[in-house]
Amino acid sequence: MSEADTGLRARLIEVGVDLVSTEGAQVLTLREIARRAGVSHGAPRRYFPTHLELLSAIARRGFADLGARATEALGDAAASPRDRLTTLGRVYLDFAFT
C-alpha cells in the first residue's frame, strides 16, 4: 500500500472515530464517512470491503487509545494494587464517556 493509500485509510478511520464519538454508531456508514472525508462514495470500499471491516478498524483504534491512556495513567509502579485498579477504572470510565 502506498503512502497516499495509507494516509487515506487512516483518514477514513479517523473520520469514523469522530463520527462515533460525536453522533453515535447509528450514523456510521461508508457513504457518510466518504462524504465527510471529501472522497467519492466508493473510495472507502477500496480499504474496507465490508462495513464490518471498517467497524473493526475503528474499534482497534479505540482499544489502542484506551491502552495508551491506561499505560500512561498506571506509570507509578509504586502505587498499591488497589490504587492502580482504581486508576484503571477511572481511565476506562473517562474513555467510555468521551
PDB file of N, CA and C in Angstrom:
ATOM      1  N   MET A   1       0.846  -1.170   0.000  1.00  0.00           N
ATOM      2  CA  MET A   1       0.000   0.000   0.000  1.00  0.00           C
ATOM      3  C   MET A   1       0.895   1.239   0.000  1.00  0.00           C
ATOM      4  N   SER A   2       0.611   2.164  -0.890  1.00  0.00           N
ATOM      5  CA  SER A   2       1.429   3.370  -0.995  1.00  0.00           C
ATOM      6  C   SER A   2       1.181   4.290   0.198  1.00  0.00           C
ATOM      7  N   GLU A   3       2.051   5.279   0.330  1.00  0.00           N
ATOM      8  CA  GLU A   3       1.913   6.237   1.433  1.00  0.00           C
ATOM      9  C   GLU A   3       0.596   6.997   1.335  1.00  0.00           C
ATOM     10  N   ALA A   4       0.196   7.347   0.111  1.00  0.00           N
ATOM     11  CA  ALA A   4      -1.077   8.046  -0.078  1.00  0.00           C
ATOM     12  C   ALA A   4      -2.243   7.150   0.327  1.00  0.00           C
ATOM     13  N   ASP A   5      -2.160   5.859  -0.041  1.00  0.00           N
ATOM     14  CA  ASP A   5      -3.209   4.912   0.342  1.00  0.00           C
ATOM     15  C   ASP A   5      -3.289   4.769   1.854  1.00  0.00           C
ATOM     16  N   THR A   6      -2.136   4.650   2.487  1.00  0.00           N
ATOM     17  CA  THR A   6      -2.091   4.523   3.941  1.00  0.00           C
ATOM     18  C   THR A   6      -2.679   5.762   4.601  1.00  0.00           C
ATOM     19  N   GLY A   7      -2.362   6.933   4.053  1.00  0.00           N
ATOM     20  CA  GLY A   7      -2.891   8.181   4.595  1.00  0.00           C
ATOM     21  C   GLY A   7      -4.397   8.278   4.465  1.00  0.00           C
ATOM     22  N   LEU A   8      -4.929   7.864   3.319  1.00  0.00           N
ATOM     23  CA  LEU A   8      -6.376   7.927   3.129  1.00  0.00           C
ATOM     24  C   LEU A   8      -7.076   6.910   4.024  1.00  0.00           C
ATOM     25  N   ARG A   9      -6.509   5.726   4.146  1.00  0.00           N
ATOM     26  CA  ARG A   9      -7.096   4.709   5.027  1.00  0.00           C
ATOM     27  C   ARG A   9      -7.150   5.248   6.462  1.00  0.00           C
ATOM     28  N   ALA A  10      -6.055   5.847   6.913  1.00  0.00           N
ATOM     29  CA  ALA A  10      -6.013   6.419   8.263  1.00  0.00           C
ATOM     30  C   ALA A  10      -7.035   7.544   8.403  1.00  0.00           C
ATOM     31  N   ARG A  11      -7.175   8.355   7.368  1.00  0.00           N
ATOM     32  CA  ARG A  11      -8.146   9.460   7.401  1.00  0.00           C
ATOM     33  C   ARG A  11      -9.569   8.922   7.503  1.00  0.00           C
ATOM     34  N   LEU A  12      -9.874   7.875   6.773  1.00  0.00           N
ATOM     35  CA  LEU A  12     -11.211   7.284   6.834  1.00  0.00           C
ATOM     36  C   LEU A  12     -11.502   6.736   8.233  1.00  0.00           C
ATOM     37  N   ILE A  13     -10.509   6.113   8.834  1.00  0.00           N
ATOM     38  CA  ILE A  13     -10.678   5.611  10.202  1.00  0.00           C
ATOM     39  C   ILE A  13     -10.891   6.773  11.160  1.00  0.00           C
ATOM     40  N   GLU A  14     -10.107   7.823  11.004  1.00  0.00           N
ATOM     41  CA  GLU A  14     -10.228   8.996  11.883  1.00  0.00           C
ATOM     42  C   GLU A  14     -11.616   9.626  11.765  1.00  0.00           C
ATOM     43  N   VAL A  15     -12.110   9.755  10.551  1.00  0.00           N
ATOM     44  CA  VAL A  15     -13.456  10.300  10.354  1.00  0.00           C
ATOM     45  C   VAL A  15     -14.483   9.386  11.020  1.00  0.00           C
ATOM     46  N   GLY A  16     -14.293   8.080  10.886  1.00  0.00           N
ATOM     47  CA  GLY A  16     -15.194   7.129  11.537  1.00  0.00           C
ATOM     48  C   GLY A  16     -15.171   7.260  13.049  1.00  0.00           C
ATOM     49  N   VAL A  17     -13.988   7.396  13.612  1.00  0.00           N
ATOM     50  CA  VAL A  17     -13.858   7.584  15.067  1.00  0.00           C
ATOM     51  C   VAL A  17     -14.570   8.865  15.493  1.00  0.00           C
ATOM     52  N   ASP A  18     -14.366   9.934  14.747  1.00  0.00           N
ATOM     53  CA  ASP A  18     -15.024  11.207  15.071  1.00  0.00           C
ATOM     54  C   ASP A  18     -16.546  11.075  15.006  1.00  0.00           C
ATOM     55  N   LEU A  19     -17.038  10.382  13.979  1.00  0.00           N
ATOM     56  CA  LEU A  19     -18.481  10.191  13.837  1.00  0.00           C
ATOM     57  C   LEU A  19     -19.058   9.422  15.020  1.00  0.00           C
ATOM     58  N   VAL A  20     -18.417   8.328  15.379  1.00  0.00           N
ATOM     59  CA  VAL A  20     -18.896   7.533  16.508  1.00  0.00           C
ATOM     60  C   VAL A  20     -18.859   8.363  17.786  1.00  0.00           C
ATOM     61  N   SER A  21     -17.800   9.126  17.969  1.00  0.00           N
ATOM     62  CA  SER A  21     -17.645   9.930  19.186  1.00  0.00           C
ATOM     63  C   SER A  21     -18.686  11.031  19.295  1.00  0.00           C
ATOM     64  N   THR A  22     -19.005  11.658  18.185  1.00  0.00           N
ATOM     65  CA  THR A  22     -19.901  12.813  18.238  1.00  0.00           C
ATOM     66  C   THR A  22     -21.365  12.486  17.987  1.00  0.00           C
ATOM     67  N   GLU A  23     -21.623  11.478  17.132  1.00  0.00           N
ATOM     68  CA  GLU A  23     -23.011  11.231  16.737  1.00  0.00           C
ATOM     69  C   GLU A  23     -23.499   9.814  16.989  1.00  0.00           C
ATOM     70  N   GLY A  24     -22.606   8.922  17.359  1.00  0.00           N
ATOM     71  CA  GLY A  24     -23.007   7.546  17.636  1.00  0.00           C
ATOM     72  C   GLY A  24     -22.851   6.633  16.430  1.00  0.00           C
ATOM     73  N   ALA A  25     -22.865   5.355  16.700  1.00  0.00           N
ATOM     74  CA  ALA A  25     -22.620   4.350  15.664  1.00  0.00           C
ATOM     75  C   ALA A  25     -23.734   4.277  14.624  1.00  0.00           C
ATOM     76  N   GLN A  26     -24.932   4.748  14.947  1.00  0.00           N
ATOM     77  CA  GLN A  26     -26.053   4.650  14.017  1.00  0.00           C
ATOM     78  C   GLN A  26     -25.842   5.450  12.734  1.00  0.00           C
ATOM     79  N   VAL A  27     -25.003   6.467  12.757  1.00  0.00           N
ATOM     80  CA  VAL A  27     -24.756   7.267  11.551  1.00  0.00           C
ATOM     81  C   VAL A  27     -23.517   6.807  10.796  1.00  0.00           C
ATOM     82  N   LEU A  28     -22.898   5.756  11.267  1.00  0.00           N
ATOM     83  CA  LEU A  28     -21.635   5.290  10.705  1.00  0.00           C
ATOM     84  C   LEU A  28     -21.882   4.432   9.465  1.00  0.00           C
ATOM     85  N   THR A  29     -21.796   5.052   8.310  1.00  0.00           N
ATOM     86  CA  THR A  29     -21.904   4.330   7.044  1.00  0.00           C
ATOM     87  C   THR A  29     -20.690   4.675   6.198  1.00  0.00           C
ATOM     88  N   LEU A  30     -20.369   3.792   5.276  1.00  0.00           N
ATOM     89  CA  LEU A  30     -19.243   4.067   4.386  1.00  0.00           C
ATOM     90  C   LEU A  30     -19.495   5.339   3.584  1.00  0.00           C
ATOM     91  N   ARG A  31     -20.717   5.524   3.155  1.00  0.00           N
ATOM     92  CA  ARG A  31     -21.066   6.711   2.368  1.00  0.00           C
ATOM     93  C   ARG A  31     -20.885   7.996   3.180  1.00  0.00           C
ATOM     94  N   GLU A  32     -21.317   8.000   4.437  1.00  0.00           N
ATOM     95  CA  GLU A  32     -21.183   9.204   5.275  1.00  0.00           C
ATOM     96  C   GLU A  32     -19.720   9.487   5.596  1.00  0.00           C
ATOM     97  N   ILE A  33     -18.962   8.453   5.838  1.00  0.00           N
ATOM     98  CA  ILE A  33     -17.532   8.639   6.087  1.00  0.00           C
ATOM     99  C   ILE A  33     -16.865   9.220   4.852  1.00  0.00           C
ATOM    100  N   ALA A  34     -17.200   8.700   3.688  1.00  0.00           N
ATOM    101  CA  ALA A  34     -16.631   9.220   2.439  1.00  0.00           C
ATOM    102  C   ALA A  34     -16.987  10.694   2.265  1.00  0.00           C
ATOM    103  N   ARG A  35     -18.247  11.035   2.507  1.00  0.00           N
ATOM    104  CA  ARG A  35     -18.684  12.429   2.355  1.00  0.00           C
ATOM    105  C   ARG A  35     -17.884  13.344   3.272  1.00  0.00           C
ATOM    106  N   ARG A  36     -17.741  12.954   4.521  1.00  0.00           N
ATOM    107  CA  ARG A  36     -17.025  13.797   5.481  1.00  0.00           C
ATOM    108  C   ARG A  36     -15.520  13.822   5.240  1.00  0.00           C
ATOM    109  N   ALA A  37     -14.997  12.779   4.614  1.00  0.00           N
ATOM    110  CA  ALA A  37     -13.564  12.749   4.292  1.00  0.00           C
ATOM    111  C   ALA A  37     -13.278  13.461   2.976  1.00  0.00           C
ATOM    112  N   GLY A  38     -14.338  13.820   2.245  1.00  0.00           N
ATOM    113  CA  GLY A  38     -14.164  14.535   0.987  1.00  0.00           C
ATOM    114  C   GLY A  38     -13.705  13.660  -0.166  1.00  0.00           C
ATOM    115  N   VAL A  39     -14.122  12.392  -0.148  1.00  0.00           N
ATOM    116  CA  VAL A  39     -13.761  11.473  -1.233  1.00  0.00           C
ATOM    117  C   VAL A  39     -15.036  10.895  -1.831  1.00  0.00           C
ATOM    118  N   SER A  40     -14.897  10.203  -2.951  1.00  0.00           N
ATOM    119  CA  SER A  40     -16.069   9.607  -3.589  1.00  0.00           C
ATOM    120  C   SER A  40     -16.675   8.544  -2.685  1.00  0.00           C
ATOM    121  N   HIS A  41     -17.960   8.289  -2.880  1.00  0.00           N
ATOM    122  CA  HIS A  41     -18.638   7.331  -2.004  1.00  0.00           C
ATOM    123  C   HIS A  41     -18.099   5.908  -2.151  1.00  0.00           C
ATOM    124  N   GLY A  42     -17.419   5.619  -3.247  1.00  0.00           N
ATOM    125  CA  GLY A  42     -16.846   4.292  -3.448  1.00  0.00           C
ATOM    126  C   GLY A  42     -15.444   4.126  -2.881  1.00  0.00           C
ATOM    127  N   ALA A  43     -14.780   5.223  -2.555  1.00  0.00           N
ATOM    128  CA  ALA A  43     -13.385   5.156  -2.092  1.00  0.00           C
ATOM    129  C   ALA A  43     -13.189   4.297  -0.835  1.00  0.00           C
ATOM    130  N   PRO A  44     -14.052   4.391   0.166  1.00  0.00           N
ATOM    131  CA  PRO A  44     -13.827   3.559   1.358  1.00  0.00           C
ATOM    132  C   PRO A  44     -13.832   2.060   1.073  1.00  0.00           C
ATOM    133  N   ARG A  45     -14.568   1.634   0.058  1.00  0.00           N
ATOM    134  CA  ARG A  45     -14.638   0.202  -0.266  1.00  0.00           C
ATOM    135  C   ARG A  45     -13.279  -0.346  -0.695  1.00  0.00           C
ATOM    136  N   ARG A  46     -12.418   0.510  -1.160  1.00  0.00           N
ATOM    137  CA  ARG A  46     -11.076   0.059  -1.549  1.00  0.00           C
ATOM    138  C   ARG A  46     -10.297  -0.428  -0.327  1.00  0.00           C
ATOM    139  N   TYR A  47     -10.537   0.186   0.811  1.00  0.00           N
ATOM    140  CA  TYR A  47      -9.818  -0.140   2.036  1.00  0.00           C
ATOM    141  C   TYR A  47     -10.638  -1.017   2.976  1.00  0.00           C
ATOM    142  N   PHE A  48     -11.945  -0.893   2.893  1.00  0.00           N
ATOM    143  CA  PHE A  48     -12.857  -1.626   3.771  1.00  0.00           C
ATOM    144  C   PHE A  48     -13.979  -2.225   2.927  1.00  0.00           C
ATOM    145  N   PRO A  49     -13.767  -3.414   2.386  1.00  0.00           N
ATOM    146  CA  PRO A  49     -14.774  -4.023   1.514  1.00  0.00           C
ATOM    147  C   PRO A  49     -16.132  -4.242   2.191  1.00  0.00           C
ATOM    148  N   THR A  50     -16.128  -4.373   3.508  1.00  0.00           N
ATOM    149  CA  THR A  50     -17.395  -4.545   4.223  1.00  0.00           C
ATOM    150  C   THR A  50     -17.484  -3.531   5.359  1.00  0.00           C
ATOM    151  N   HIS A  51     -18.701  -3.289   5.764  1.00  0.00           N
ATOM    152  CA  HIS A  51     -18.947  -2.377   6.882  1.00  0.00           C
ATOM    153  C   HIS A  51     -18.284  -2.918   8.147  1.00  0.00           C
ATOM    154  N   LEU A  52     -18.309  -4.234   8.326  1.00  0.00           N
ATOM    155  CA  LEU A  52     -17.699  -4.857   9.498  1.00  0.00           C
ATOM    156  C   LEU A  52     -16.195  -4.590   9.567  1.00  0.00           C
ATOM    157  N   GLU A  53     -15.528  -4.594   8.426  1.00  0.00           N
ATOM    158  CA  GLU A  53     -14.088  -4.305   8.417  1.00  0.00           C
ATOM    159  C   GLU A  53     -13.808  -2.875   8.871  1.00  0.00           C
ATOM    160  N   LEU A  54     -14.648  -1.957   8.467  1.00  0.00           N
ATOM    161  CA  LEU A  54     -14.497  -0.568   8.917  1.00  0.00           C
ATOM    162  C   LEU A  54     -14.747  -0.458  10.422  1.00  0.00           C
ATOM    163  N   LEU A  55     -15.809  -1.090  10.895  1.00  0.00           N
ATOM    164  CA  LEU A  55     -16.093  -1.062  12.330  1.00  0.00           C
ATOM    165  C   LEU A  55     -14.952  -1.679  13.127  1.00  0.00           C
ATOM    166  N   SER A  56     -14.365  -2.743  12.606  1.00  0.00           N
ATOM    167  CA  SER A  56     -13.230  -3.386  13.283  1.00  0.00           C
ATOM    168  C   SER A  56     -12.033  -2.448  13.360  1.00  0.00           C
ATOM    169  N   ALA A  57     -11.762  -1.731  12.285  1.00  0.00           N
ATOM    170  CA  ALA A  57     -10.641  -0.785  12.276  1.00  0.00           C
ATOM    171  C   ALA A  57     -10.870   0.342  13.280  1.00  0.00           C
ATOM    172  N   ILE A  58     -12.100   0.817  13.364  1.00  0.00           N
ATOM    173  CA  ILE A  58     -12.433   1.874  14.320  1.00  0.00           C
ATOM    174  C   ILE A  58     -12.303   1.349  15.747  1.00  0.00           C
ATOM    175  N   ALA A  59     -12.766   0.133  15.984  1.00  0.00           N
ATOM    176  CA  ALA A  59     -12.652  -0.469  17.319  1.00  0.00           C
ATOM    177  C   ALA A  59     -11.191  -0.671  17.708  1.00  0.00           C
ATOM    178  N   ARG A  60     -10.365  -1.133  16.762  1.00  0.00           N
ATOM    179  CA  ARG A  60      -8.939  -1.304  17.061  1.00  0.00           C
ATOM    180  C   ARG A  60      -8.308   0.022  17.456  1.00  0.00           C
ATOM    181  N   ARG A  61      -8.688   1.093  16.774  1.00  0.00           N
ATOM    182  CA  ARG A  61      -8.175   2.423  17.118  1.00  0.00           C
ATOM    183  C   ARG A  61      -8.594   2.788  18.537  1.00  0.00           C
ATOM    184  N   GLY A  62      -9.848   2.516  18.876  1.00  0.00           N
ATOM    185  CA  GLY A  62     -10.329   2.815  20.220  1.00  0.00           C
ATOM    186  C   GLY A  62      -9.603   2.020  21.290  1.00  0.00           C
ATOM    187  N   PHE A  63      -9.391   0.732  21.042  1.00  0.00           N
ATOM    188  CA  PHE A  63      -8.685  -0.091  22.024  1.00  0.00           C
ATOM    189  C   PHE A  63      -7.230   0.342  22.168  1.00  0.00           C
ATOM    190  N   ALA A  64      -6.618   0.757  21.076  1.00  0.00           N
ATOM    191  CA  ALA A  64      -5.240   1.257  21.152  1.00  0.00           C
ATOM    192  C   ALA A  64      -5.188   2.531  21.988  1.00  0.00           C
ATOM    193  N   ASP A  65      -6.172   3.405  21.793  1.00  0.00           N
ATOM    194  CA  ASP A  65      -6.242   4.641  22.576  1.00  0.00           C
ATOM    195  C   ASP A  65      -6.455   4.332  24.057  1.00  0.00           C
ATOM    196  N   LEU A  66      -7.362   3.414  24.353  1.00  0.00           N
ATOM    197  CA  LEU A  66      -7.603   3.021  25.743  1.00  0.00           C
ATOM    198  C   LEU A  66      -6.339   2.438  26.364  1.00  0.00           C
ATOM    199  N   GLY A  67      -5.641   1.593  25.631  1.00  0.00           N
ATOM    200  CA  GLY A  67      -4.404   1.006  26.136  1.00  0.00           C
ATOM    201  C   GLY A  67      -3.345   2.056  26.424  1.00  0.00           C
ATOM    202  N   ALA A  68      -3.231   3.036  25.531  1.00  0.00           N
ATOM    203  CA  ALA A  68      -2.246   4.102  25.732  1.00  0.00           C
ATOM    204  C   ALA A  68      -2.592   4.939  26.960  1.00  0.00           C
ATOM    205  N   ARG A  69      -3.870   5.249  27.123  1.00  0.00           N
ATOM    206  CA  ARG A  69      -4.294   6.020  28.300  1.00  0.00           C
ATOM    207  C   ARG A  69      -4.015   5.244  29.587  1.00  0.00           C
ATOM    208  N   ALA A  70      -4.314   3.952  29.572  1.00  0.00           N
ATOM    209  CA  ALA A  70      -4.094   3.123  30.761  1.00  0.00           C
ATOM    210  C   ALA A  70      -2.613   3.034  31.091  1.00  0.00           C
ATOM    211  N   THR A  71      -1.792   2.832  30.087  1.00  0.00           N
ATOM    212  CA  THR A  71      -0.348   2.740  30.309  1.00  0.00           C
ATOM    213  C   THR A  71       0.189   4.030  30.909  1.00  0.00           C
ATOM    214  N   GLU A  72      -0.258   5.154  30.365  1.00  0.00           N
ATOM    215  CA  GLU A  72       0.195   6.449  30.878  1.00  0.00           C
ATOM    216  C   GLU A  72      -0.267   6.666  32.321  1.00  0.00           C
ATOM    217  N   ALA A  73      -1.507   6.338  32.599  1.00  0.00           N
ATOM    218  CA  ALA A  73      -2.051   6.567  33.939  1.00  0.00           C
ATOM    219  C   ALA A  73      -1.455   5.629  34.982  1.00  0.00           C
ATOM    220  N   LEU A  74      -1.045   4.455  34.566  1.00  0.00           N
ATOM    221  CA  LEU A  74      -0.504   3.467  35.506  1.00  0.00           C
ATOM    222  C   LEU A  74       1.007   3.538  35.617  1.00  0.00           C
ATOM    223  N   GLY A  75       1.585   4.639  35.235  1.00  0.00           N
ATOM    224  CA  GLY A  75       3.035   4.787  35.241  1.00  0.00           C
ATOM    225  C   GLY A  75       3.685   4.651  36.607  1.00  0.00           C
ATOM    226  N   ASP A  76       2.951   4.921  37.673  1.00  0.00           N
ATOM    227  CA  ASP A  76       3.514   4.850  39.025  1.00  0.00           C
ATOM    228  C   ASP A  76       3.495   3.406  39.514  1.00  0.00           C
ATOM    229  N   ALA A  77       4.604   2.707  39.325  1.00  0.00           N
ATOM    230  CA  ALA A  77       4.695   1.297  39.715  1.00  0.00           C
ATOM    231  C   ALA A  77       4.679   1.119  41.226  1.00  0.00           C
ATOM    232  N   ALA A  78       4.931   2.183  41.978  1.00  0.00           N
ATOM    233  CA  ALA A  78       4.966   2.087  43.435  1.00  0.00           C
ATOM    234  C   ALA A  78       3.569   2.136  44.053  1.00  0.00           C
ATOM    235  N   ALA A  79       2.564   2.484  43.263  1.00  0.00           N
ATOM    236  CA  ALA A  79       1.203   2.573  43.790  1.00  0.00           C
ATOM    237  C   ALA A  79       0.708   1.184  44.194  1.00  0.00           C
ATOM    238  N   SER A  80      -0.175   1.161  45.157  1.00  0.00           N
ATOM    239  CA  SER A  80      -0.725  -0.118  45.623  1.00  0.00           C
ATOM    240  C   SER A  80      -1.618  -0.724  44.537  1.00  0.00           C
ATOM    241  N   PRO A  81      -1.820  -2.029  44.574  1.00  0.00           N
ATOM    242  CA  PRO A  81      -2.718  -2.656  43.596  1.00  0.00           C
ATOM    243  C   PRO A  81      -4.112  -2.031  43.610  1.00  0.00           C
ATOM    244  N   ARG A  82      -4.606  -1.697  44.783  1.00  0.00           N
ATOM    245  CA  ARG A  82      -5.930  -1.063  44.882  1.00  0.00           C
ATOM    246  C   ARG A  82      -5.932   0.290  44.170  1.00  0.00           C
ATOM    247  N   ASP A  83      -4.902   1.104  44.393  1.00  0.00           N
ATOM    248  CA  ASP A  83      -4.811   2.410  43.733  1.00  0.00           C
ATOM    249  C   ASP A  83      -4.689   2.247  42.226  1.00  0.00           C
ATOM    250  N   ARG A  84      -3.920   1.262  41.807  1.00  0.00           N
ATOM    251  CA  ARG A  84      -3.748   1.026  40.369  1.00  0.00           C
ATOM    252  C   ARG A  84      -5.073   0.591  39.733  1.00  0.00           C
ATOM    253  N   LEU A  85      -5.811  -0.264  40.420  1.00  0.00           N
ATOM    254  CA  LEU A  85      -7.103  -0.710  39.911  1.00  0.00           C
ATOM    255  C   LEU A  85      -8.100   0.441  39.865  1.00  0.00           C
ATOM    256  N   THR A  86      -8.086   1.279  40.890  1.00  0.00           N
ATOM    257  CA  THR A  86      -8.954   2.458  40.906  1.00  0.00           C
ATOM    258  C   THR A  86      -8.607   3.385  39.746  1.00  0.00           C
ATOM    259  N   THR A  87      -7.327   3.593  39.524  1.00  0.00           N
ATOM    260  CA  THR A  87      -6.876   4.434  38.412  1.00  0.00           C
ATOM    261  C   THR A  87      -7.330   3.846  37.087  1.00  0.00           C
ATOM    262  N   LEU A  88      -7.169   2.550  36.932  1.00  0.00           N
ATOM    263  CA  LEU A  88      -7.583   1.892  35.697  1.00  0.00           C
ATOM    264  C   LEU A  88      -9.085   2.034  35.477  1.00  0.00           C
ATOM    265  N   GLY A  89      -9.856   1.901  36.535  1.00  0.00           N
ATOM    266  CA  GLY A  89     -11.301   2.086  36.422  1.00  0.00           C
ATOM    267  C   GLY A  89     -11.667   3.491  35.991  1.00  0.00           C
ATOM    268  N   ARG A  90     -10.979   4.475  36.540  1.00  0.00           N
ATOM    269  CA  ARG A  90     -11.236   5.873  36.158  1.00  0.00           C
ATOM    270  C   ARG A  90     -10.872   6.124  34.695  1.00  0.00           C
ATOM    271  N   VAL A  91      -9.753   5.549  34.280  1.00  0.00           N
ATOM    272  CA  VAL A  91      -9.334   5.696  32.879  1.00  0.00           C
ATOM    273  C   VAL A  91     -10.396   5.101  31.963  1.00  0.00           C
ATOM    274  N   TYR A  92     -10.879   3.919  32.318  1.00  0.00           N
ATOM    275  CA  TYR A  92     -11.890   3.262  31.491  1.00  0.00           C
ATOM    276  C   TYR A  92     -13.173   4.089  31.427  1.00  0.00           C
ATOM    277  N   LEU A  93     -13.641   4.569  32.563  1.00  0.00           N
ATOM    278  CA  LEU A  93     -14.863   5.372  32.567  1.00  0.00           C
ATOM    279  C   LEU A  93     -14.690   6.665  31.784  1.00  0.00           C
ATOM    280  N   ASP A  94     -13.545   7.316  31.947  1.00  0.00           N
ATOM    281  CA  ASP A  94     -13.270   8.530  31.182  1.00  0.00           C
ATOM    282  C   ASP A  94     -13.293   8.225  29.687  1.00  0.00           C
ATOM    283  N   PHE A  95     -12.679   7.126  29.310  1.00  0.00           N
ATOM    284  CA  PHE A  95     -12.661   6.712  27.907  1.00  0.00           C
ATOM    285  C   PHE A  95     -14.081   6.434  27.408  1.00  0.00           C
ATOM    286  N   ALA A  96     -14.860   5.740  28.206  1.00  0.00           N
ATOM    287  CA  ALA A  96     -16.208   5.357  27.792  1.00  0.00           C
ATOM    288  C   ALA A  96     -17.132   6.557  27.609  1.00  0.00           C
ATOM    289  N   PHE A  97     -16.907   7.603  28.389  1.00  0.00           N
ATOM    290  CA  PHE A  97     -17.792   8.759  28.326  1.00  0.00           C
ATOM    291  C   PHE A  97     -17.276   9.882  27.435  1.00  0.00           C
ATOM    292  N   THR A  98     -16.152   9.665  26.766  1.00  0.00           N
ATOM    293  CA  THR A  98     -15.638  10.698  25.855  1.00  0.00           C
ATOM    294  C   THR A  98     -15.552  10.197  24.446  1.00  0.00           C
TER     295      THR A  98
END
